[in-house]
Structure formats: C-alpha cells, structure tokens
Amino acid sequence: MSELASKNCVPCRGGVPPLAGKELEVVAKEVPQWRVVDGHHLTRAFKFPDFRQALAFVNRVGELAEGQGHHPDILLSWGKAEITTWTHAINGLTESDFILAAKIDKL
C-alpha cells in the first residue's frame, strides 16, 4: 500500500509548477489503478453491484475530500462512480492529488 495514504493534502495557493516528467511518473506508480490523463488530471472508475452502494461510496469520498480540503469531480451512475482530481489553482497535478487518490483507494 502506498505511503501517500498516510499523508494529508496541502492546500495549493498557486505559483508552483504542476508535477511533470520523471517526478510525475514516479508518484503515479504509487496509485497504479488511477490513470494520469494528459499529464493534467487523475481519474479512476469504481464499479458496484447497484446504485445504493455506489452512492454510499460517493458519500464516503465526499467526507474524505471535505476533511482533506481537496475536492474531486465525482460522477455517479447506476453501479459506477468515477473520480477525477487535479489541483485547480495550478491547473495540473500536485502531490495532494495523489494523496487523495491513495486515501480513496483505502475506502
């Protein structure tokens, strides 16, 4: 399990470059079930046997995100929840996006 899950998200105020290149590749390996899209955001789809379980998962993700102060986009449909995250302040990825992903993986 990734040690990222033991860290906390850090608010980004901007002015820092997004993760890229080798640095991005290394941290992406910590959450292998997530897909880095265009070096800009992380996404992962979760499947469930019904709507109720997908909704319960989304609610847990929402509580986690609120506690971390780092809020992903969440798409909920019957038997599926898709999570997409990036750091809006820099319009790219930071370590906090990967921390959130690792924490979601533990739910």
N, C-alpha and C. Protein backbone atom coordinates (compact mmCIF):
# COMPACT_ATOMS: atom_id res chain seq x y z
N MET A 1 0.85 -1.18 0.00
CA MET A 1 0.00 0.00 0.00
C MET A 1 0.89 1.24 0.00
N SER A 2 0.46 2.23 -0.72
CA SER A 2 1.20 3.47 -0.87
C SER A 2 1.30 4.22 0.46
N GLU A 3 2.47 4.77 0.74
CA GLU A 3 2.61 5.59 1.95
C GLU A 3 1.95 6.96 1.75
N LEU A 4 1.57 7.27 0.53
CA LEU A 4 0.85 8.52 0.28
C LEU A 4 -0.41 8.62 1.13
N ALA A 5 -1.07 7.48 1.35
CA ALA A 5 -2.33 7.48 2.10
C ALA A 5 -2.15 7.95 3.54
N SER A 6 -0.94 7.92 4.05
CA SER A 6 -0.70 8.37 5.42
C SER A 6 -0.43 9.88 5.51
N LYS A 7 -0.29 10.53 4.37
CA LYS A 7 -0.06 11.97 4.33
C LYS A 7 -1.39 12.71 4.26
N ASN A 8 -1.33 14.02 4.41
CA ASN A 8 -2.50 14.87 4.26
C ASN A 8 -2.32 15.82 3.09
N CYS A 9 -3.41 16.14 2.44
CA CYS A 9 -3.39 17.09 1.35
C CYS A 9 -2.98 18.46 1.88
N VAL A 10 -2.22 19.19 1.06
CA VAL A 10 -1.76 20.52 1.42
C VAL A 10 -2.40 21.51 0.46
N PRO A 11 -3.07 22.53 0.98
CA PRO A 11 -3.70 23.50 0.08
C PRO A 11 -2.67 24.16 -0.83
N CYS A 12 -3.04 24.31 -2.08
CA CYS A 12 -2.16 24.95 -3.06
C CYS A 12 -2.69 26.34 -3.35
N ARG A 13 -1.86 27.32 -3.21
CA ARG A 13 -2.25 28.71 -3.46
C ARG A 13 -1.82 29.17 -4.84
N GLY A 14 -1.23 28.27 -5.61
CA GLY A 14 -0.75 28.64 -6.93
C GLY A 14 0.72 29.00 -6.88
N GLY A 15 1.25 29.35 -8.03
CA GLY A 15 2.64 29.79 -8.09
C GLY A 15 3.66 28.67 -8.09
N VAL A 16 3.21 27.43 -8.11
CA VAL A 16 4.13 26.30 -8.19
C VAL A 16 3.82 25.54 -9.49
N PRO A 17 4.84 24.95 -10.09
CA PRO A 17 4.57 24.21 -11.31
C PRO A 17 3.90 22.87 -11.00
N PRO A 18 3.05 22.40 -11.92
CA PRO A 18 2.46 21.07 -11.73
C PRO A 18 3.53 20.00 -11.88
N LEU A 19 3.25 18.84 -11.31
CA LEU A 19 4.15 17.70 -11.48
C LEU A 19 4.25 17.37 -12.97
N ALA A 20 5.44 16.98 -13.40
CA ALA A 20 5.66 16.63 -14.81
C ALA A 20 6.84 15.69 -14.92
N GLY A 21 6.98 15.09 -16.07
CA GLY A 21 8.15 14.27 -16.38
C GLY A 21 8.36 13.12 -15.41
N LYS A 22 9.61 12.92 -15.05
CA LYS A 22 10.01 11.79 -14.20
C LYS A 22 9.33 11.87 -12.83
N GLU A 23 9.24 13.07 -12.29
CA GLU A 23 8.61 13.26 -10.98
C GLU A 23 7.15 12.78 -11.01
N LEU A 24 6.43 13.10 -12.08
CA LEU A 24 5.05 12.66 -12.25
C LEU A 24 4.98 11.14 -12.41
N GLU A 25 5.88 10.58 -13.19
CA GLU A 25 5.90 9.13 -13.41
C GLU A 25 6.11 8.37 -12.10
N VAL A 26 7.02 8.86 -11.27
CA VAL A 26 7.34 8.19 -10.01
C VAL A 26 6.13 8.18 -9.07
N VAL A 27 5.51 9.33 -8.88
CA VAL A 27 4.38 9.40 -7.95
C VAL A 27 3.16 8.66 -8.51
N ALA A 28 2.99 8.63 -9.82
CA ALA A 28 1.86 7.92 -10.43
C ALA A 28 1.93 6.42 -10.15
N LYS A 29 3.12 5.88 -10.01
CA LYS A 29 3.29 4.45 -9.70
C LYS A 29 2.75 4.10 -8.32
N GLU A 30 2.59 5.11 -7.46
CA GLU A 30 2.08 4.88 -6.11
C GLU A 30 0.59 4.56 -6.12
N VAL A 31 -0.11 4.96 -7.18
CA VAL A 31 -1.56 4.70 -7.29
C VAL A 31 -1.83 4.07 -8.67
N PRO A 32 -1.41 2.83 -8.86
CA PRO A 32 -1.43 2.23 -10.20
C PRO A 32 -2.81 2.03 -10.82
N GLN A 33 -3.86 2.05 -10.03
CA GLN A 33 -5.19 1.87 -10.59
C GLN A 33 -5.78 3.18 -11.14
N TRP A 34 -5.10 4.26 -10.88
CA TRP A 34 -5.52 5.57 -11.37
C TRP A 34 -4.80 5.85 -12.68
N ARG A 35 -5.46 6.59 -13.55
CA ARG A 35 -4.90 6.93 -14.85
C ARG A 35 -4.59 8.42 -14.89
N VAL A 36 -3.35 8.75 -15.26
CA VAL A 36 -2.97 10.15 -15.48
C VAL A 36 -3.39 10.50 -16.90
N VAL A 37 -4.21 11.52 -17.05
CA VAL A 37 -4.72 11.92 -18.36
C VAL A 37 -4.05 13.22 -18.80
N ASP A 38 -3.33 13.14 -19.90
CA ASP A 38 -2.66 14.30 -20.49
C ASP A 38 -1.77 15.05 -19.50
N GLY A 39 -1.25 14.34 -18.50
CA GLY A 39 -0.39 14.99 -17.50
C GLY A 39 -1.13 16.05 -16.69
N HIS A 40 -2.45 16.07 -16.78
CA HIS A 40 -3.24 17.15 -16.18
C HIS A 40 -4.10 16.71 -15.01
N HIS A 41 -4.70 15.52 -15.09
CA HIS A 41 -5.59 15.07 -14.02
C HIS A 41 -5.53 13.56 -13.85
N LEU A 42 -6.03 13.11 -12.70
CA LEU A 42 -6.11 11.68 -12.38
C LEU A 42 -7.56 11.25 -12.44
N THR A 43 -7.79 10.04 -12.91
CA THR A 43 -9.15 9.53 -12.93
C THR A 43 -9.16 8.03 -12.65
N ARG A 44 -10.25 7.61 -12.06
CA ARG A 44 -10.46 6.18 -11.80
C ARG A 44 -11.96 5.92 -11.71
N ALA A 45 -12.38 4.83 -12.32
CA ALA A 45 -13.78 4.40 -12.22
C ALA A 45 -13.87 3.24 -11.24
N PHE A 46 -14.88 3.28 -10.40
CA PHE A 46 -15.15 2.24 -9.42
C PHE A 46 -16.50 1.61 -9.78
N LYS A 47 -16.57 0.29 -9.76
CA LYS A 47 -17.82 -0.40 -10.10
C LYS A 47 -18.44 -1.01 -8.85
N PHE A 48 -19.78 -1.02 -8.83
CA PHE A 48 -20.56 -1.53 -7.70
C PHE A 48 -21.73 -2.33 -8.24
N PRO A 49 -22.29 -3.21 -7.42
CA PRO A 49 -23.40 -4.05 -7.89
C PRO A 49 -24.72 -3.29 -8.04
N ASP A 50 -24.82 -2.08 -7.46
CA ASP A 50 -26.08 -1.35 -7.57
C ASP A 50 -25.84 0.13 -7.27
N PHE A 51 -26.90 0.91 -7.42
CA PHE A 51 -26.82 2.35 -7.21
C PHE A 51 -26.55 2.69 -5.74
N ARG A 52 -27.21 2.00 -4.84
CA ARG A 52 -27.09 2.29 -3.41
C ARG A 52 -25.64 2.20 -2.94
N GLN A 53 -24.93 1.16 -3.35
CA GLN A 53 -23.53 1.00 -2.93
C GLN A 53 -22.62 2.04 -3.58
N ALA A 54 -22.92 2.39 -4.83
CA ALA A 54 -22.15 3.44 -5.49
C ALA A 54 -22.35 4.77 -4.77
N LEU A 55 -23.60 5.06 -4.39
CA LEU A 55 -23.92 6.29 -3.68
C LEU A 55 -23.24 6.33 -2.31
N ALA A 56 -23.24 5.21 -1.61
CA ALA A 56 -22.58 5.15 -0.30
C ALA A 56 -21.08 5.44 -0.45
N PHE A 57 -20.47 4.90 -1.48
CA PHE A 57 -19.05 5.15 -1.74
C PHE A 57 -18.81 6.63 -2.03
N VAL A 58 -19.65 7.22 -2.88
CA VAL A 58 -19.52 8.63 -3.21
C VAL A 58 -19.64 9.48 -1.95
N ASN A 59 -20.54 9.14 -1.06
CA ASN A 59 -20.68 9.89 0.18
C ASN A 59 -19.42 9.77 1.04
N ARG A 60 -18.80 8.60 1.08
CA ARG A 60 -17.55 8.43 1.83
C ARG A 60 -16.43 9.26 1.20
N VAL A 61 -16.37 9.26 -0.13
CA VAL A 61 -15.37 10.07 -0.83
C VAL A 61 -15.60 11.54 -0.52
N GLY A 62 -16.85 11.97 -0.51
CA GLY A 62 -17.16 13.36 -0.19
C GLY A 62 -16.70 13.76 1.19
N GLU A 63 -16.94 12.91 2.17
CA GLU A 63 -16.49 13.19 3.54
C GLU A 63 -14.98 13.26 3.61
N LEU A 64 -14.31 12.33 2.96
CA LEU A 64 -12.85 12.31 2.92
C LEU A 64 -12.33 13.59 2.27
N ALA A 65 -12.88 13.94 1.13
CA ALA A 65 -12.44 15.13 0.40
C ALA A 65 -12.63 16.39 1.24
N GLU A 66 -13.77 16.48 1.89
CA GLU A 66 -14.03 17.65 2.74
C GLU A 66 -13.02 17.74 3.87
N GLY A 67 -12.71 16.61 4.48
CA GLY A 67 -11.73 16.57 5.56
C GLY A 67 -10.33 16.94 5.10
N GLN A 68 -10.01 16.64 3.85
CA GLN A 68 -8.69 16.94 3.30
C GLN A 68 -8.63 18.34 2.66
N GLY A 69 -9.80 18.95 2.47
CA GLY A 69 -9.83 20.25 1.80
C GLY A 69 -9.40 20.17 0.35
N HIS A 70 -9.63 19.01 -0.25
CA HIS A 70 -9.21 18.78 -1.64
C HIS A 70 -10.36 18.05 -2.33
N HIS A 71 -11.03 18.71 -3.25
CA HIS A 71 -12.33 18.25 -3.74
C HIS A 71 -12.28 17.77 -5.19
N PRO A 72 -12.52 16.49 -5.42
CA PRO A 72 -12.51 15.94 -6.77
C PRO A 72 -13.85 16.15 -7.47
N ASP A 73 -13.85 15.94 -8.76
CA ASP A 73 -15.10 15.83 -9.51
C ASP A 73 -15.57 14.39 -9.34
N ILE A 74 -16.86 14.21 -9.11
CA ILE A 74 -17.42 12.88 -8.89
C ILE A 74 -18.61 12.69 -9.82
N LEU A 75 -18.56 11.62 -10.59
CA LEU A 75 -19.67 11.26 -11.46
C LEU A 75 -20.29 9.97 -10.91
N LEU A 76 -21.56 10.03 -10.59
CA LEU A 76 -22.28 8.88 -10.02
C LEU A 76 -23.31 8.40 -11.02
N SER A 77 -23.32 7.10 -11.26
CA SER A 77 -24.36 6.49 -12.08
C SER A 77 -24.66 5.11 -11.50
N TRP A 78 -25.61 4.41 -12.06
CA TRP A 78 -26.00 3.11 -11.54
C TRP A 78 -24.79 2.18 -11.59
N GLY A 79 -24.36 1.73 -10.41
CA GLY A 79 -23.27 0.77 -10.32
C GLY A 79 -21.89 1.31 -10.63
N LYS A 80 -21.76 2.62 -10.68
CA LYS A 80 -20.46 3.18 -11.05
C LYS A 80 -20.26 4.55 -10.41
N ALA A 81 -19.04 4.80 -9.99
CA ALA A 81 -18.62 6.13 -9.55
C ALA A 81 -17.28 6.41 -10.21
N GLU A 82 -17.17 7.56 -10.82
CA GLU A 82 -15.91 7.94 -11.44
C GLU A 82 -15.39 9.19 -10.74
N ILE A 83 -14.13 9.12 -10.32
CA ILE A 83 -13.49 10.21 -9.60
C ILE A 83 -12.42 10.82 -10.49
N THR A 84 -12.41 12.13 -10.58
CA THR A 84 -11.38 12.85 -11.33
C THR A 84 -10.87 13.97 -10.43
N THR A 85 -9.56 14.09 -10.35
CA THR A 85 -8.97 15.12 -9.50
C THR A 85 -7.77 15.77 -10.15
N TRP A 86 -7.61 17.05 -9.86
CA TRP A 86 -6.44 17.83 -10.20
C TRP A 86 -6.45 19.06 -9.31
N THR A 87 -5.37 19.78 -9.30
CA THR A 87 -5.28 20.98 -8.46
C THR A 87 -5.64 22.19 -9.31
N HIS A 88 -6.80 22.73 -9.04
CA HIS A 88 -7.33 23.83 -9.85
C HIS A 88 -6.45 25.07 -9.80
N ALA A 89 -5.83 25.35 -8.66
CA ALA A 89 -5.03 26.57 -8.51
C ALA A 89 -3.86 26.63 -9.48
N ILE A 90 -3.38 25.47 -9.92
CA ILE A 90 -2.27 25.46 -10.89
C ILE A 90 -2.66 24.76 -12.19
N ASN A 91 -3.92 24.34 -12.28
CA ASN A 91 -4.43 23.66 -13.47
C ASN A 91 -3.56 22.47 -13.86
N GLY A 92 -3.23 21.65 -12.85
CA GLY A 92 -2.41 20.47 -13.08
C GLY A 92 -2.35 19.63 -11.82
N LEU A 93 -1.42 18.71 -11.80
CA LEU A 93 -1.32 17.76 -10.69
C LEU A 93 -0.26 18.16 -9.67
N THR A 94 -0.61 17.95 -8.40
CA THR A 94 0.33 18.12 -7.29
C THR A 94 0.32 16.81 -6.49
N GLU A 95 1.21 16.73 -5.52
CA GLU A 95 1.24 15.54 -4.68
C GLU A 95 -0.10 15.34 -3.98
N SER A 96 -0.79 16.41 -3.64
CA SER A 96 -2.09 16.28 -2.96
C SER A 96 -3.10 15.48 -3.76
N ASP A 97 -3.06 15.59 -5.08
CA ASP A 97 -3.97 14.79 -5.91
C ASP A 97 -3.69 13.30 -5.73
N PHE A 98 -2.44 12.95 -5.64
CA PHE A 98 -2.07 11.56 -5.45
C PHE A 98 -2.35 11.08 -4.03
N ILE A 99 -2.20 11.97 -3.07
CA ILE A 99 -2.55 11.65 -1.68
C ILE A 99 -4.04 11.34 -1.60
N LEU A 100 -4.86 12.20 -2.20
CA LEU A 100 -6.30 11.96 -2.20
C LEU A 100 -6.64 10.64 -2.88
N ALA A 101 -6.01 10.37 -4.01
CA ALA A 101 -6.26 9.11 -4.72
C ALA A 101 -5.91 7.90 -3.83
N ALA A 102 -4.77 7.96 -3.17
CA ALA A 102 -4.36 6.86 -2.29
C ALA A 102 -5.34 6.67 -1.14
N LYS A 103 -5.83 7.77 -0.60
CA LYS A 103 -6.80 7.70 0.50
C LYS A 103 -8.12 7.12 0.00
N ILE A 104 -8.55 7.51 -1.18
CA ILE A 104 -9.78 6.95 -1.76
C ILE A 104 -9.62 5.44 -1.97
N ASP A 105 -8.45 5.02 -2.41
CA ASP A 105 -8.22 3.59 -2.60
C ASP A 105 -8.40 2.78 -1.32
N LYS A 106 -8.20 3.42 -0.18
CA LYS A 106 -8.35 2.72 1.11
C LYS A 106 -9.78 2.61 1.60
N LEU A 107 -10.72 3.37 0.96
CA LEU A 107 -12.12 3.34 1.42
C LEU A 107 -12.75 1.99 1.16
